[in-house]
């Protein structure tokens, strides 16, 4: 899985509400049928936090089990990416024709 894919999955599950790392990965597994490896998950979390697309939830004090939430910038980024993916998907399905 590419790092951008992991980031998109993290933003998608955090759009539902704040979660900690294990719960993020469980939600991703429920959504996709696969878990992210620790490097992919925690790398995505670090990159998203550095870009200020996610942040620790209010009251999250334990650094090992930080609960993260999506920011307004993260929601805007997720929406833009999903809209672009929808356009590409629709174009691809049109090109393939009827099933």
N, C-alpha and C. Protein backbone atom coordinates (compact mmCIF):
# COMPACT_ATOMS: atom_id res chain seq x y z
N UNK A 1 0.84 -1.17 0.00
CA UNK A 1 0.00 0.00 0.00
C UNK A 1 0.89 1.24 0.00
N UNK A 2 0.56 2.21 -0.81
CA UNK A 2 1.33 3.44 -0.92
C UNK A 2 1.07 4.34 0.29
N UNK A 3 2.02 5.22 0.59
CA UNK A 3 1.86 6.09 1.76
C UNK A 3 0.65 7.00 1.62
N UNK A 4 0.37 7.47 0.41
CA UNK A 4 -0.82 8.32 0.22
C UNK A 4 -2.10 7.53 0.48
N UNK A 5 -2.10 6.24 0.10
CA UNK A 5 -3.26 5.39 0.38
C UNK A 5 -3.47 5.27 1.88
N UNK A 6 -2.39 5.03 2.62
CA UNK A 6 -2.48 4.91 4.08
C UNK A 6 -3.00 6.21 4.68
N UNK A 7 -2.51 7.34 4.20
CA UNK A 7 -2.97 8.62 4.71
C UNK A 7 -4.45 8.84 4.43
N UNK A 8 -4.88 8.48 3.24
CA UNK A 8 -6.30 8.61 2.89
C UNK A 8 -7.17 7.73 3.79
N UNK A 9 -6.72 6.52 4.04
CA UNK A 9 -7.48 5.63 4.91
C UNK A 9 -7.56 6.18 6.33
N UNK A 10 -6.47 6.70 6.84
CA UNK A 10 -6.47 7.28 8.19
C UNK A 10 -7.43 8.46 8.25
N UNK A 11 -7.36 9.36 7.28
CA UNK A 11 -8.28 10.50 7.27
C UNK A 11 -9.73 10.04 7.17
N UNK A 12 -9.97 9.03 6.37
CA UNK A 12 -11.33 8.52 6.18
C UNK A 12 -11.91 8.00 7.49
N UNK A 13 -11.14 7.20 8.22
CA UNK A 13 -11.69 6.66 9.47
C UNK A 13 -11.76 7.72 10.56
N UNK A 14 -10.84 8.69 10.55
CA UNK A 14 -10.91 9.76 11.55
C UNK A 14 -12.03 10.74 11.26
N UNK A 15 -12.54 10.77 10.03
CA UNK A 15 -13.68 11.64 9.71
C UNK A 15 -14.91 11.23 10.53
N UNK A 16 -14.95 9.97 10.98
CA UNK A 16 -16.06 9.48 11.80
C UNK A 16 -15.94 9.94 13.25
N UNK A 17 -14.71 10.25 13.69
CA UNK A 17 -14.51 10.69 15.07
C UNK A 17 -13.12 10.31 15.55
N UNK A 18 -12.69 10.85 16.69
CA UNK A 18 -11.36 10.61 17.22
C UNK A 18 -11.12 9.14 17.56
N UNK A 19 -9.91 8.67 17.27
CA UNK A 19 -9.50 7.29 17.56
C UNK A 19 -8.03 7.27 17.92
N UNK A 20 -7.60 6.22 18.62
CA UNK A 20 -6.17 6.00 18.86
C UNK A 20 -5.65 5.01 17.83
N UNK A 21 -4.33 4.83 17.80
CA UNK A 21 -3.69 4.04 16.75
C UNK A 21 -4.29 2.66 16.51
N UNK A 22 -4.48 1.87 17.57
CA UNK A 22 -5.03 0.53 17.40
C UNK A 22 -6.44 0.60 16.83
N UNK A 23 -7.25 1.52 17.32
CA UNK A 23 -8.63 1.65 16.84
C UNK A 23 -8.66 2.15 15.39
N UNK A 24 -7.71 3.01 15.03
CA UNK A 24 -7.61 3.47 13.63
C UNK A 24 -7.37 2.27 12.73
N UNK A 25 -6.41 1.41 13.12
CA UNK A 25 -6.09 0.26 12.30
C UNK A 25 -7.24 -0.74 12.26
N UNK A 26 -7.96 -0.91 13.35
CA UNK A 26 -9.12 -1.80 13.37
C UNK A 26 -10.21 -1.27 12.43
N UNK A 27 -10.42 0.05 12.42
CA UNK A 27 -11.42 0.64 11.54
C UNK A 27 -11.00 0.50 10.07
N UNK A 28 -9.70 0.64 9.80
CA UNK A 28 -9.20 0.45 8.44
C UNK A 28 -9.39 -0.99 8.01
N UNK A 29 -9.12 -1.94 8.91
CA UNK A 29 -9.32 -3.35 8.58
C UNK A 29 -10.79 -3.64 8.30
N UNK A 30 -11.68 -3.04 9.08
CA UNK A 30 -13.11 -3.23 8.85
C UNK A 30 -13.52 -2.68 7.48
N UNK A 31 -12.94 -1.55 7.10
CA UNK A 31 -13.26 -0.90 5.84
C UNK A 31 -12.69 -1.64 4.63
N UNK A 32 -11.44 -2.11 4.75
CA UNK A 32 -10.73 -2.65 3.59
C UNK A 32 -10.49 -4.15 3.63
N UNK A 33 -10.61 -4.74 4.83
CA UNK A 33 -10.29 -6.16 4.96
C UNK A 33 -8.82 -6.42 5.26
N UNK A 34 -8.03 -5.35 5.36
CA UNK A 34 -6.59 -5.48 5.63
C UNK A 34 -6.16 -4.43 6.64
N UNK A 35 -5.21 -4.82 7.50
CA UNK A 35 -4.61 -3.86 8.43
C UNK A 35 -3.40 -3.24 7.77
N UNK A 36 -3.04 -2.06 8.21
CA UNK A 36 -1.78 -1.45 7.81
C UNK A 36 -0.68 -1.99 8.70
N UNK A 37 0.52 -2.12 8.16
CA UNK A 37 1.66 -2.47 8.99
C UNK A 37 1.98 -1.30 9.90
N UNK A 38 2.68 -1.57 11.01
CA UNK A 38 2.99 -0.49 11.95
C UNK A 38 3.73 0.68 11.29
N UNK A 39 4.67 0.41 10.41
CA UNK A 39 5.40 1.48 9.74
C UNK A 39 4.50 2.34 8.88
N UNK A 40 3.58 1.69 8.17
CA UNK A 40 2.65 2.43 7.31
C UNK A 40 1.69 3.27 8.14
N UNK A 41 1.15 2.67 9.20
CA UNK A 41 0.19 3.38 10.04
C UNK A 41 0.84 4.56 10.75
N UNK A 42 1.92 4.31 11.48
CA UNK A 42 2.51 5.38 12.27
C UNK A 42 3.25 6.39 11.39
N UNK A 43 3.73 5.96 10.23
CA UNK A 43 4.29 6.91 9.27
C UNK A 43 3.22 7.85 8.74
N UNK A 44 2.05 7.28 8.41
CA UNK A 44 0.93 8.10 7.93
C UNK A 44 0.49 9.08 9.00
N UNK A 45 0.38 8.61 10.24
CA UNK A 45 -0.02 9.50 11.34
C UNK A 45 0.98 10.64 11.50
N UNK A 46 2.27 10.33 11.44
CA UNK A 46 3.29 11.38 11.58
C UNK A 46 3.21 12.39 10.46
N UNK A 47 3.07 11.92 9.22
CA UNK A 47 3.00 12.83 8.07
C UNK A 47 1.75 13.69 8.14
N UNK A 48 0.62 13.10 8.49
CA UNK A 48 -0.62 13.86 8.58
C UNK A 48 -0.57 14.90 9.69
N UNK A 49 0.04 14.53 10.82
CA UNK A 49 0.16 15.49 11.92
C UNK A 49 1.11 16.63 11.53
N UNK A 50 2.21 16.31 10.84
CA UNK A 50 3.16 17.34 10.41
C UNK A 50 2.49 18.32 9.43
N UNK A 51 1.56 17.82 8.62
CA UNK A 51 0.85 18.67 7.66
C UNK A 51 -0.38 19.34 8.29
N UNK A 52 -0.58 19.09 9.59
CA UNK A 52 -1.70 19.66 10.36
C UNK A 52 -3.06 19.24 9.81
N UNK A 53 -3.11 18.01 9.30
CA UNK A 53 -4.38 17.45 8.83
C UNK A 53 -5.05 16.64 9.92
N UNK A 54 -4.26 16.23 10.93
CA UNK A 54 -4.79 15.60 12.13
C UNK A 54 -4.07 16.23 13.32
N UNK A 55 -4.64 16.05 14.51
CA UNK A 55 -4.01 16.56 15.73
C UNK A 55 -4.45 15.67 16.88
N UNK A 56 -3.69 15.72 17.99
CA UNK A 56 -4.14 14.97 19.17
C UNK A 56 -5.47 15.54 19.66
N UNK A 57 -6.33 14.66 20.09
CA UNK A 57 -7.63 15.08 20.64
C UNK A 57 -7.43 15.83 21.93
N UNK A 58 -8.35 16.70 22.24
CA UNK A 58 -8.31 17.40 23.52
C UNK A 58 -8.31 16.38 24.64
N UNK A 59 -7.41 16.57 25.60
CA UNK A 59 -7.33 15.66 26.72
C UNK A 59 -6.49 14.42 26.47
N UNK A 60 -5.92 14.28 25.27
CA UNK A 60 -5.07 13.13 24.97
C UNK A 60 -3.71 13.37 25.61
N UNK A 61 -3.43 12.65 26.69
CA UNK A 61 -2.19 12.93 27.42
C UNK A 61 -1.16 11.82 27.31
N UNK A 62 -1.58 10.58 27.11
CA UNK A 62 -0.66 9.46 27.05
C UNK A 62 -0.04 9.39 25.65
N UNK A 63 1.25 9.68 25.54
CA UNK A 63 1.92 9.74 24.23
C UNK A 63 1.88 8.39 23.52
N UNK A 64 1.85 7.29 24.27
CA UNK A 64 1.83 5.97 23.64
C UNK A 64 0.46 5.64 23.06
N UNK A 65 -0.58 6.21 23.60
CA UNK A 65 -1.95 5.89 23.15
C UNK A 65 -2.71 7.17 22.84
N UNK A 66 -2.09 8.03 22.03
CA UNK A 66 -2.72 9.31 21.71
C UNK A 66 -3.95 9.09 20.85
N UNK A 67 -5.01 9.74 21.23
CA UNK A 67 -6.22 9.75 20.42
C UNK A 67 -6.08 10.93 19.46
N UNK A 68 -6.29 10.65 18.19
CA UNK A 68 -6.12 11.66 17.15
C UNK A 68 -7.48 12.02 16.57
N UNK A 69 -7.58 13.26 16.07
CA UNK A 69 -8.79 13.68 15.38
C UNK A 69 -8.39 14.45 14.11
N UNK A 70 -9.31 14.47 13.18
CA UNK A 70 -9.08 15.16 11.92
C UNK A 70 -9.32 16.66 12.13
N UNK A 71 -8.54 17.48 11.47
CA UNK A 71 -8.71 18.94 11.55
C UNK A 71 -9.62 19.40 10.40
N UNK A 72 -9.99 20.67 10.43
CA UNK A 72 -10.77 21.22 9.32
C UNK A 72 -9.98 21.12 8.02
N UNK A 73 -8.68 21.37 8.09
CA UNK A 73 -7.83 21.24 6.89
C UNK A 73 -7.79 19.80 6.42
N UNK A 74 -7.79 18.86 7.34
CA UNK A 74 -7.82 17.44 6.99
C UNK A 74 -9.11 17.06 6.30
N UNK A 75 -10.22 17.59 6.80
CA UNK A 75 -11.52 17.32 6.15
C UNK A 75 -11.55 17.88 4.73
N UNK A 76 -11.03 19.09 4.56
CA UNK A 76 -11.00 19.70 3.23
C UNK A 76 -10.11 18.90 2.29
N UNK A 77 -8.96 18.47 2.78
CA UNK A 77 -8.04 17.67 1.97
C UNK A 77 -8.68 16.33 1.59
N UNK A 78 -9.31 15.68 2.55
CA UNK A 78 -9.98 14.40 2.28
C UNK A 78 -11.09 14.59 1.25
N UNK A 79 -11.90 15.61 1.41
CA UNK A 79 -12.99 15.85 0.46
C UNK A 79 -12.45 16.07 -0.96
N UNK A 80 -11.42 16.89 -1.10
CA UNK A 80 -10.84 17.17 -2.41
C UNK A 80 -10.30 15.88 -3.05
N UNK A 81 -9.61 15.08 -2.26
CA UNK A 81 -9.03 13.83 -2.78
C UNK A 81 -10.12 12.84 -3.17
N UNK A 82 -11.15 12.72 -2.37
CA UNK A 82 -12.25 11.81 -2.68
C UNK A 82 -13.02 12.26 -3.92
N UNK A 83 -13.21 13.57 -4.06
CA UNK A 83 -13.89 14.07 -5.27
C UNK A 83 -13.07 13.78 -6.51
N UNK A 84 -11.75 13.95 -6.43
CA UNK A 84 -10.88 13.63 -7.57
C UNK A 84 -10.94 12.13 -7.88
N UNK A 85 -10.89 11.31 -6.84
CA UNK A 85 -10.97 9.86 -7.04
C UNK A 85 -12.30 9.47 -7.69
N UNK A 86 -13.38 10.12 -7.30
CA UNK A 86 -14.69 9.83 -7.87
C UNK A 86 -14.72 10.17 -9.36
N UNK A 87 -14.11 11.31 -9.73
CA UNK A 87 -14.06 11.67 -11.16
C UNK A 87 -13.27 10.64 -11.96
N UNK A 88 -12.15 10.22 -11.44
CA UNK A 88 -11.31 9.22 -12.13
C UNK A 88 -12.07 7.90 -12.23
N UNK A 89 -12.72 7.50 -11.15
CA UNK A 89 -13.48 6.25 -11.14
C UNK A 89 -14.61 6.29 -12.17
N UNK A 90 -15.34 7.39 -12.21
CA UNK A 90 -16.45 7.51 -13.17
C UNK A 90 -15.94 7.46 -14.61
N UNK A 91 -14.81 8.12 -14.87
CA UNK A 91 -14.24 8.09 -16.23
C UNK A 91 -13.81 6.68 -16.60
N UNK A 92 -13.20 5.99 -15.66
CA UNK A 92 -12.77 4.62 -15.93
C UNK A 92 -13.93 3.69 -16.18
N UNK A 93 -14.99 3.82 -15.40
CA UNK A 93 -16.17 2.97 -15.59
C UNK A 93 -16.84 3.26 -16.92
N UNK A 94 -16.89 4.54 -17.31
CA UNK A 94 -17.47 4.88 -18.64
C UNK A 94 -16.64 4.25 -19.74
N UNK A 95 -15.31 4.32 -19.61
CA UNK A 95 -14.43 3.77 -20.64
C UNK A 95 -14.57 2.26 -20.75
N UNK A 96 -14.85 1.59 -19.64
CA UNK A 96 -15.01 0.13 -19.67
C UNK A 96 -16.33 -0.29 -20.29
N UNK A 97 -17.31 0.58 -20.25
CA UNK A 97 -18.63 0.25 -20.81
C UNK A 97 -19.41 -0.66 -19.87
N UNK A 98 -20.58 -1.12 -20.36
CA UNK A 98 -21.44 -1.98 -19.52
C UNK A 98 -20.73 -3.26 -19.10
N UNK A 99 -21.09 -3.73 -17.92
CA UNK A 99 -20.46 -4.96 -17.36
C UNK A 99 -20.83 -6.18 -18.13
